[in-house]
Amino acid sequence: NEFFFCEMNTRLQVEHPVTEMITGLDLVEWQLHVAAGGALPIIEQAEINDRLSGHAIEARVYAENPGTGFLPATGNLRKLREPPADAFGESTVRVDTGVTEGDNVTMFYDPMISKLIVHSKDRATALRDLNLALRSYQVAGVPTNLSFLERCASHPAFVEGGISTSFLDDYGEALVKEADLSPTPPSAVAVAAAAMVLSRNEASRRELDLAGGAWGQVGAAWRTFDSAQGVTETIAVESDEGST
């Protein structure tokens, strides 16, 4: 004559790709199969244990601003370049996303851009390549937590392991300040400016080449030298934080 209330989540958890990567099982397929009246393909935990391989770790990439209490952000994804899946040697990189370049992040839905999952032979390797993947992830148009995630994943306490849900209570304030110091690294601005100048010079060289013959080549070399000696170009590079 007693009543008990039990919470039940009748859905897959957000971190289900971690389980899928270390077992090779497709849990979404299982869910649809069972919903259609089928039986679970595997019912014994021992069978799943036999499939376990390596270590996987997931990071959620959000359109949010860690410096303002992780407030969600909105805007247009002017540029979106995901880490390549096959560029990290022995690790496998997986990106689960529902947006593409040019899409808008609105106030009507969760601002999560993607889930970034890295699977490798062990935790140290997976963590190392997670940091590399976070660094190669490019998003322009909205503020993101990419820098914050990278600092979390490279923090000595996180690398050592054994952390708990108090990690952000213990280190979060410092991590947010560090991540907010340089939203647009000066090196990135310099590279963008150099690429633009080189592109313009190449276009000018081709035009001179079309003018014909050896004189065109001489003219190109002379003008390039003259430009380097006597002309200063000012280039404005736009970022989310303004122009540089």
C-alpha atoms as a PDB file:
ATOM      1  CA  ASN A   1       0.000   0.000   0.000  1.00  0.00           C
ATOM      2  CA  GLU A   2       2.917   2.342  -0.728  1.00  0.00           C
ATOM      3  CA  PHE A   3       3.488   4.561  -3.759  1.00  0.00           C
ATOM      4  CA  PHE A   4       6.878   5.335  -5.246  1.00  0.00           C
ATOM      5  CA  PHE A   5       7.710   7.837  -7.960  1.00  0.00           C
ATOM      6  CA  CYS A   6      10.509   7.077 -10.372  1.00  0.00           C
ATOM      7  CA  GLU A   7      11.882   9.464 -12.987  1.00  0.00           C
ATOM      8  CA  MET A   8      12.304   7.951 -16.447  1.00  0.00           C
ATOM      9  CA  ASN A   9      14.012   9.534 -19.458  1.00  0.00           C
ATOM     10  CA  THR A  10      12.487   7.856 -22.487  1.00  0.00           C
ATOM     11  CA  ARG A  11      15.116   9.244 -24.811  1.00  0.00           C
ATOM     12  CA  LEU A  12      18.776   8.920 -25.608  1.00  0.00           C
ATOM     13  CA  GLN A  13      21.138  11.004 -23.543  1.00  0.00           C
ATOM     14  CA  VAL A  14      23.093  13.761 -25.297  1.00  0.00           C
ATOM     15  CA  GLU A  15      26.300  11.805 -24.711  1.00  0.00           C
ATOM     16  CA  HIS A  16      25.137   8.686 -26.542  1.00  0.00           C
ATOM     17  CA  PRO A  17      27.869   9.126 -29.233  1.00  0.00           C
ATOM     18  CA  VAL A  18      30.493   8.341 -26.561  1.00  0.00           C
ATOM     19  CA  THR A  19      28.884   4.920 -25.988  1.00  0.00           C
ATOM     20  CA  GLU A  20      28.551   4.379 -29.723  1.00  0.00           C
ATOM     21  CA  MET A  21      32.205   5.177 -30.390  1.00  0.00           C
ATOM     22  CA  ILE A  22      33.609   2.766 -27.811  1.00  0.00           C
ATOM     23  CA  THR A  23      31.168  -0.075 -28.619  1.00  0.00           C
ATOM     24  CA  GLY A  24      30.595   0.308 -32.349  1.00  0.00           C
ATOM     25  CA  LEU A  25      26.837   0.134 -31.730  1.00  0.00           C
ATOM     26  CA  ASP A  26      24.276   2.513 -33.252  1.00  0.00           C
ATOM     27  CA  LEU A  27      21.936   3.407 -30.390  1.00  0.00           C
ATOM     28  CA  VAL A  28      19.715   5.592 -32.576  1.00  0.00           C
ATOM     29  CA  GLU A  29      19.121   2.635 -34.870  1.00  0.00           C
ATOM     30  CA  TRP A  30      18.312   0.510 -31.813  1.00  0.00           C
ATOM     31  CA  GLN A  31      15.809   3.088 -30.597  1.00  0.00           C
ATOM     32  CA  LEU A  32      13.986   3.189 -33.924  1.00  0.00           C
ATOM     33  CA  HIS A  33      14.069  -0.598 -34.167  1.00  0.00           C
ATOM     34  CA  VAL A  34      12.495  -1.044 -30.728  1.00  0.00           C
ATOM     35  CA  ALA A  35       9.938   1.716 -31.397  1.00  0.00           C
ATOM     36  CA  ALA A  36       8.847  -0.234 -34.483  1.00  0.00           C
ATOM     37  CA  GLY A  37       8.187  -3.307 -32.343  1.00  0.00           C
ATOM     38  CA  GLY A  38      11.497  -5.092 -32.713  1.00  0.00           C
ATOM     39  CA  ALA A  39      13.558  -6.705 -29.968  1.00  0.00           C
ATOM     40  CA  LEU A  40      16.817  -5.340 -28.574  1.00  0.00           C
ATOM     41  CA  PRO A  41      19.693  -6.722 -30.688  1.00  0.00           C
ATOM     42  CA  ILE A  42      21.746  -7.348 -27.533  1.00  0.00           C
ATOM     43  CA  ILE A  43      20.320  -7.949 -24.076  1.00  0.00           C
ATOM     44  CA  GLU A  44      23.338  -9.222 -22.155  1.00  0.00           C
ATOM     45  CA  GLN A  45      25.711  -6.629 -20.681  1.00  0.00           C
ATOM     46  CA  ALA A  46      28.590  -9.060 -21.088  1.00  0.00           C
ATOM     47  CA  GLU A  47      28.172  -8.938 -24.864  1.00  0.00           C
ATOM     48  CA  ILE A  48      28.506  -5.161 -24.777  1.00  0.00           C
ATOM     49  CA  ASN A  49      31.528  -5.327 -22.465  1.00  0.00           C
ATOM     50  CA  ASP A  50      33.270  -7.551 -24.996  1.00  0.00           C
ATOM     51  CA  ARG A  51      32.946  -4.797 -27.596  1.00  0.00           C
ATOM     52  CA  LEU A  52      34.486  -2.000 -25.517  1.00  0.00           C
ATOM     53  CA  SER A  53      37.429  -0.370 -27.262  1.00  0.00           C
ATOM     54  CA  GLY A  54      39.526   2.678 -26.416  1.00  0.00           C
ATOM     55  CA  HIS A  55      38.347   5.956 -24.931  1.00  0.00           C
ATOM     56  CA  ALA A  56      35.918   8.591 -26.219  1.00  0.00           C
ATOM     57  CA  ILE A  57      35.268  12.119 -25.015  1.00  0.00           C
ATOM     58  CA  GLU A  58      32.613  14.625 -26.075  1.00  0.00           C
ATOM     59  CA  ALA A  59      32.495  18.423 -26.055  1.00  0.00           C
ATOM     60  CA  ARG A  60      29.369  20.443 -26.741  1.00  0.00           C
ATOM     61  CA  VAL A  61      30.008  23.448 -28.974  1.00  0.00           C
ATOM     62  CA  TYR A  62      27.557  26.243 -28.154  1.00  0.00           C
ATOM     63  CA  ALA A  63      26.749  29.696 -29.469  1.00  0.00           C
ATOM     64  CA  GLU A  64      27.206  31.329 -26.098  1.00  0.00           C
ATOM     65  CA  ASN A  65      29.427  33.809 -24.319  1.00  0.00           C
ATOM     66  CA  PRO A  66      31.347  32.369 -21.347  1.00  0.00           C
ATOM     67  CA  GLY A  67      32.322  35.896 -20.314  1.00  0.00           C
ATOM     68  CA  THR A  68      28.701  36.889 -19.679  1.00  0.00           C
ATOM     69  CA  GLY A  69      27.669  33.904 -17.609  1.00  0.00           C
ATOM     70  CA  PHE A  70      27.317  31.625 -20.640  1.00  0.00           C
ATOM     71  CA  LEU A  71      24.384  33.589 -22.002  1.00  0.00           C
ATOM     72  CA  PRO A  72      23.117  32.081 -25.279  1.00  0.00           C
ATOM     73  CA  ALA A  73      23.926  34.027 -28.444  1.00  0.00           C
ATOM     74  CA  THR A  74      22.071  34.512 -31.703  1.00  0.00           C
ATOM     75  CA  GLY A  75      23.259  35.418 -35.163  1.00  0.00           C
ATOM     76  CA  ASN A  76      24.234  34.128 -38.573  1.00  0.00           C
ATOM     77  CA  LEU A  77      26.889  31.435 -38.999  1.00  0.00           C
ATOM     78  CA  ARG A  78      28.903  33.375 -41.560  1.00  0.00           C
ATOM     79  CA  LYS A  79      31.648  30.781 -41.492  1.00  0.00           C
ATOM     80  CA  LEU A  80      31.549  27.202 -40.233  1.00  0.00           C
ATOM     81  CA  ARG A  81      34.469  24.822 -40.710  1.00  0.00           C
ATOM     82  CA  GLU A  82      34.343  21.576 -38.774  1.00  0.00           C
ATOM     83  CA  PRO A  83      37.480  19.608 -37.874  1.00  0.00           C
ATOM     84  CA  PRO A  84      38.277  17.017 -40.548  1.00  0.00           C
ATOM     85  CA  ALA A  85      37.417  13.486 -39.458  1.00  0.00           C
ATOM     86  CA  ASP A  86      40.641  11.932 -40.747  1.00  0.00           C
ATOM     87  CA  ALA A  87      43.273  14.521 -39.845  1.00  0.00           C
ATOM     88  CA  PHE A  88      44.221  13.301 -36.373  1.00  0.00           C
ATOM     89  CA  GLY A  89      46.178  10.129 -36.978  1.00  0.00           C
ATOM     90  CA  GLU A  90      44.983   7.253 -34.846  1.00  0.00           C
ATOM     91  CA  SER A  91      42.005   9.159 -33.434  1.00  0.00           C
ATOM     92  CA  THR A  92      38.555   9.324 -35.003  1.00  0.00           C
ATOM     93  CA  VAL A  93      36.752  12.672 -34.916  1.00  0.00           C
ATOM     94  CA  ARG A  94      32.969  12.782 -35.159  1.00  0.00           C
ATOM     95  CA  VAL A  95      30.801  15.901 -35.415  1.00  0.00           C
ATOM     96  CA  ASP A  96      27.053  15.614 -34.798  1.00  0.00           C
ATOM     97  CA  THR A  97      25.368  18.804 -35.925  1.00  0.00           C
ATOM     98  CA  GLY A  98      22.129  20.178 -37.263  1.00  0.00           C
ATOM     99  CA  VAL A  99      23.400  23.421 -38.782  1.00  0.00           C
ATOM    100  CA  THR A 100      25.429  24.451 -41.808  1.00  0.00           C
ATOM    101  CA  GLU A 101      27.272  27.574 -42.864  1.00  0.00           C
ATOM    102  CA  GLY A 102      24.799  30.391 -43.484  1.00  0.00           C
ATOM    103  CA  ASP A 103      22.209  29.153 -40.996  1.00  0.00           C
ATOM    104  CA  ASN A 104      20.867  31.402 -38.255  1.00  0.00           C
ATOM    105  CA  VAL A 105      21.111  30.624 -34.554  1.00  0.00           C
ATOM    106  CA  THR A 106      17.842  31.963 -33.147  1.00  0.00           C
ATOM    107  CA  MET A 107      16.299  32.469 -29.739  1.00  0.00           C
ATOM    108  CA  PHE A 108      13.681  29.817 -30.406  1.00  0.00           C
ATOM    109  CA  TYR A 109      15.914  26.756 -30.130  1.00  0.00           C
ATOM    110  CA  ASP A 110      18.850  25.450 -28.127  1.00  0.00           C
ATOM    111  CA  PRO A 111      22.024  27.321 -29.229  1.00  0.00           C
ATOM    112  CA  MET A 112      24.122  24.151 -29.486  1.00  0.00           C
ATOM    113  CA  ILE A 113      26.072  24.158 -32.752  1.00  0.00           C
ATOM    114  CA  SER A 114      27.365  20.609 -32.517  1.00  0.00           C
ATOM    115  CA  LYS A 115      28.691  17.760 -30.445  1.00  0.00           C
ATOM    116  CA  LEU A 116      32.374  17.092 -31.047  1.00  0.00           C
ATOM    117  CA  ILE A 117      33.430  13.546 -30.189  1.00  0.00           C
ATOM    118  CA  VAL A 118      36.950  12.125 -30.324  1.00  0.00           C
ATOM    119  CA  HIS A 119      37.707   8.421 -30.009  1.00  0.00           C
ATOM    120  CA  SER A 120      41.197   6.998 -29.586  1.00  0.00           C
ATOM    121  CA  LYS A 121      43.150   4.168 -28.012  1.00  0.00           C
ATOM    122  CA  ASP A 122      43.324   5.794 -24.568  1.00  0.00           C
ATOM    123  CA  ARG A 123      42.204   8.892 -22.645  1.00  0.00           C
ATOM    124  CA  ALA A 124      45.473  10.796 -23.019  1.00  0.00           C
ATOM    125  CA  THR A 125      45.440  10.476 -26.805  1.00  0.00           C
ATOM    126  CA  ALA A 126      41.733  11.262 -27.068  1.00  0.00           C
ATOM    127  CA  LEU A 127      42.188  14.363 -24.903  1.00  0.00           C
ATOM    128  CA  ARG A 128      45.196  15.538 -26.887  1.00  0.00           C
ATOM    129  CA  ASP A 129      43.333  15.241 -30.181  1.00  0.00           C
ATOM    130  CA  LEU A 130      40.200  16.814 -28.724  1.00  0.00           C
ATOM    131  CA  ASN A 131      42.276  19.920 -28.090  1.00  0.00           C
ATOM    132  CA  LEU A 132      43.623  19.822 -31.646  1.00  0.00           C
ATOM    133  CA  ALA A 133      40.095  19.444 -33.003  1.00  0.00           C
ATOM    134  CA  LEU A 134      38.827  22.356 -30.912  1.00  0.00           C
ATOM    135  CA  ARG A 135      41.644  24.558 -32.210  1.00  0.00           C
ATOM    136  CA  SER A 136      40.848  23.694 -35.821  1.00  0.00           C
ATOM    137  CA  TYR A 137      37.096  24.309 -35.411  1.00  0.00           C
ATOM    138  CA  GLN A 138      36.203  27.617 -37.080  1.00  0.00           C
ATOM    139  CA  VAL A 139      33.001  29.547 -36.372  1.00  0.00           C
ATOM    140  CA  ALA A 140      32.360  33.184 -37.304  1.00  0.00           C
ATOM    141  CA  GLY A 141      29.210  35.204 -36.810  1.00  0.00           C
ATOM    142  CA  VAL A 142      28.370  34.263 -33.240  1.00  0.00           C
ATOM    143  CA  PRO A 143      30.420  33.999 -30.038  1.00  0.00           C
ATOM    144  CA  THR A 144      31.167  30.406 -29.026  1.00  0.00           C
ATOM    145  CA  ASN A 145      32.579  28.445 -26.108  1.00  0.00           C
ATOM    146  CA  LEU A 146      35.350  26.868 -28.243  1.00  0.00           C
ATOM    147  CA  SER A 147      38.187  28.675 -26.458  1.00  0.00           C
ATOM    148  CA  PHE A 148      36.661  27.881 -23.083  1.00  0.00           C
ATOM    149  CA  LEU A 149      36.335  24.185 -23.965  1.00  0.00           C
ATOM    150  CA  GLU A 150      39.950  24.052 -25.090  1.00  0.00           C
ATOM    151  CA  ARG A 151      41.147  25.572 -21.827  1.00  0.00           C
ATOM    152  CA  CYS A 152      39.028  23.141 -19.829  1.00  0.00           C
ATOM    153  CA  ALA A 153      40.350  20.139 -21.733  1.00  0.00           C
ATOM    154  CA  SER A 154      43.967  21.266 -21.311  1.00  0.00           C
ATOM    155  CA  HIS A 155      43.709  22.247 -17.630  1.00  0.00           C
ATOM    156  CA  PRO A 156      46.120  20.176 -15.491  1.00  0.00           C
ATOM    157  CA  ALA A 157      43.343  19.013 -13.147  1.00  0.00           C
ATOM    158  CA  PHE A 158      41.239  17.839 -16.073  1.00  0.00           C
ATOM    159  CA  VAL A 159      44.173  16.144 -17.779  1.00  0.00           C
ATOM    160  CA  GLU A 160      45.068  14.332 -14.564  1.00  0.00           C
ATOM    161  CA  GLY A 161      41.525  12.963 -14.254  1.00  0.00           C
ATOM    162  CA  GLY A 162      39.490  12.170 -11.194  1.00  0.00           C
ATOM    163  CA  ILE A 163      37.537  15.424 -11.454  1.00  0.00           C
ATOM    164  CA  SER A 164      33.954  15.872 -10.293  1.00  0.00           C
ATOM    165  CA  THR A 165      31.027  18.192 -10.969  1.00  0.00           C
ATOM    166  CA  SER A 166      32.802  20.777  -8.799  1.00  0.00           C
ATOM    167  CA  PHE A 167      35.422  21.347 -11.532  1.00  0.00           C
ATOM    168  CA  LEU A 168      33.813  24.585 -12.722  1.00  0.00           C
ATOM    169  CA  ASP A 169      33.200  25.730  -9.156  1.00  0.00           C
ATOM    170  CA  ASP A 170      36.914  25.309  -8.481  1.00  0.00           C
ATOM    171  CA  TYR A 171      38.410  26.567 -11.750  1.00  0.00           C
ATOM    172  CA  GLY A 172      35.607  28.082 -13.830  1.00  0.00           C
ATOM    173  CA  GLU A 173      36.189  31.741 -13.022  1.00  0.00           C
ATOM    174  CA  ALA A 174      39.856  31.608 -14.004  1.00  0.00           C
ATOM    175  CA  LEU A 175      39.089  29.590 -17.145  1.00  0.00           C
ATOM    176  CA  VAL A 176      36.500  32.119 -18.281  1.00  0.00           C
ATOM    177  CA  LYS A 177      38.901  35.029 -17.762  1.00  0.00           C
ATOM    178  CA  GLU A 178      41.681  33.269 -19.672  1.00  0.00           C
ATOM    179  CA  ALA A 179      39.364  32.323 -22.528  1.00  0.00           C
ATOM    180  CA  ASP A 180      38.121  35.910 -22.768  1.00  0.00           C
ATOM    181  CA  LEU A 181      41.539  37.562 -22.945  1.00  0.00           C
ATOM    182  CA  SER A 182      42.096  37.135 -26.669  1.00  0.00           C
ATOM    183  CA  PRO A 183      38.931  36.201 -28.615  1.00  0.00           C
ATOM    184  CA  THR A 184      40.723  36.903 -31.911  1.00  0.00           C
ATOM    185  CA  PRO A 185      44.421  35.976 -31.708  1.00  0.00           C
ATOM    186  CA  PRO A 186      46.709  38.589 -33.296  1.00  0.00           C
ATOM    187  CA  SER A 187      48.329  35.813 -35.327  1.00  0.00           C
ATOM    188  CA  ALA A 188      44.995  35.045 -36.977  1.00  0.00           C
ATOM    189  CA  VAL A 189      44.585  38.692 -38.007  1.00  0.00           C
ATOM    190  CA  ALA A 190      48.144  38.781 -39.360  1.00  0.00           C
ATOM    191  CA  VAL A 191      47.632  35.613 -41.393  1.00  0.00           C
ATOM    192  CA  ALA A 192      44.360  36.931 -42.825  1.00  0.00           C
ATOM    193  CA  ALA A 193      46.005  40.215 -43.829  1.00  0.00           C
ATOM    194  CA  ALA A 194      49.019  38.459 -45.385  1.00  0.00           C
ATOM    195  CA  ALA A 195      46.758  36.123 -47.364  1.00  0.00           C
ATOM    196  CA  MET A 196      44.828  39.086 -48.747  1.00  0.00           C
ATOM    197  CA  VAL A 197      47.988  40.905 -49.823  1.00  0.00           C
ATOM    198  CA  LEU A 198      49.398  37.786 -51.483  1.00  0.00           C
ATOM    199  CA  SER A 199      46.112  37.223 -53.290  1.00  0.00           C
ATOM    200  CA  ARG A 200      46.147  40.774 -54.654  1.00  0.00           C
ATOM    201  CA  ASN A 201      49.786  40.503 -55.727  1.00  0.00           C
ATOM    202  CA  GLU A 202      49.068  37.218 -57.515  1.00  0.00           C
ATOM    203  CA  ALA A 203      46.145  38.783 -59.351  1.00  0.00           C
ATOM    204  CA  SER A 204      48.343  41.719 -60.420  1.00  0.00           C
ATOM    205  CA  ARG A 205      51.089  39.363 -61.599  1.00  0.00           C
ATOM    206  CA  ARG A 206      48.664  37.423 -63.768  1.00  0.00           C
ATOM    207  CA  GLU A 207      47.397  40.623 -65.346  1.00  0.00           C
ATOM    208  CA  LEU A 208      50.955  41.660 -66.158  1.00  0.00           C
ATOM    209  CA  ASP A 209      51.755  38.211 -67.537  1.00  0.00           C
ATOM    210  CA  LEU A 210      48.822  38.556 -69.908  1.00  0.00           C
ATOM    211  CA  ALA A 211      50.411  41.755 -71.212  1.00  0.00           C
ATOM    212  CA  GLY A 212      52.920  39.407 -72.805  1.00  0.00           C
ATOM    213  CA  GLY A 213      56.472  38.221 -73.086  1.00  0.00           C
ATOM    214  CA  ALA A 214      59.565  38.804 -71.060  1.00  0.00           C
ATOM    215  CA  TRP A 215      58.732  42.467 -70.506  1.00  0.00           C
ATOM    216  CA  GLY A 216      55.655  41.372 -68.598  1.00  0.00           C
ATOM    217  CA  GLN A 217      57.794  39.268 -66.278  1.00  0.00           C
ATOM    218  CA  VAL A 218      60.238  42.119 -65.755  1.00  0.00           C
ATOM    219  CA  GLY A 219      57.388  44.503 -65.076  1.00  0.00           C
ATOM    220  CA  ALA A 220      55.872  42.154 -62.526  1.00  0.00           C
ATOM    221  CA  ALA A 221      59.151  41.776 -60.658  1.00  0.00           C
ATOM    222  CA  TRP A 222      59.839  45.524 -60.734  1.00  0.00           C
ATOM    223  CA  ARG A 223      56.367  46.469 -59.535  1.00  0.00           C
ATOM    224  CA  THR A 224      56.423  43.903 -56.739  1.00  0.00           C
ATOM    225  CA  PHE A 225      59.764  45.326 -55.547  1.00  0.00           C
ATOM    226  CA  ASP A 226      58.468  48.877 -55.833  1.00  0.00           C
ATOM    227  CA  SER A 227      55.340  48.021 -53.858  1.00  0.00           C
ATOM    228  CA  ALA A 228      57.342  46.372 -51.113  1.00  0.00           C
ATOM    229  CA  GLN A 229      59.659  49.383 -50.837  1.00  0.00           C
ATOM    230  CA  GLY A 230      57.280  52.300 -51.076  1.00  0.00           C
ATOM    231  CA  VAL A 231      53.646  51.349 -50.515  1.00  0.00           C
ATOM    232  CA  THR A 232      51.865  50.594 -47.268  1.00  0.00           C
ATOM    233  CA  GLU A 233      48.491  48.845 -47.427  1.00  0.00           C
ATOM    234  CA  THR A 234      45.932  49.189 -44.668  1.00  0.00           C
ATOM    235  CA  ILE A 235      43.598  46.202 -44.353  1.00  0.00           C
ATOM    236  CA  ALA A 236      40.559  46.043 -42.107  1.00  0.00           C
ATOM    237  CA  VAL A 237      39.826  42.574 -40.749  1.00  0.00           C
ATOM    238  CA  GLU A 238      36.333  42.151 -39.357  1.00  0.00           C
ATOM    239  CA  SER A 239      35.719  39.886 -36.364  1.00  0.00           C
ATOM    240  CA  ASP A 240      32.847  39.294 -33.982  1.00  0.00           C
ATOM    241  CA  GLU A 241      34.463  41.739 -31.583  1.00  0.00           C
ATOM    242  CA  GLY A 242      34.796  44.514 -34.189  1.00  0.00           C
ATOM    243  CA  SER A 243      37.309  45.594 -36.811  1.00  0.00           C
ATOM    244  CA  THR A 244      41.086  45.439 -36.600  1.00  0.00           C
END
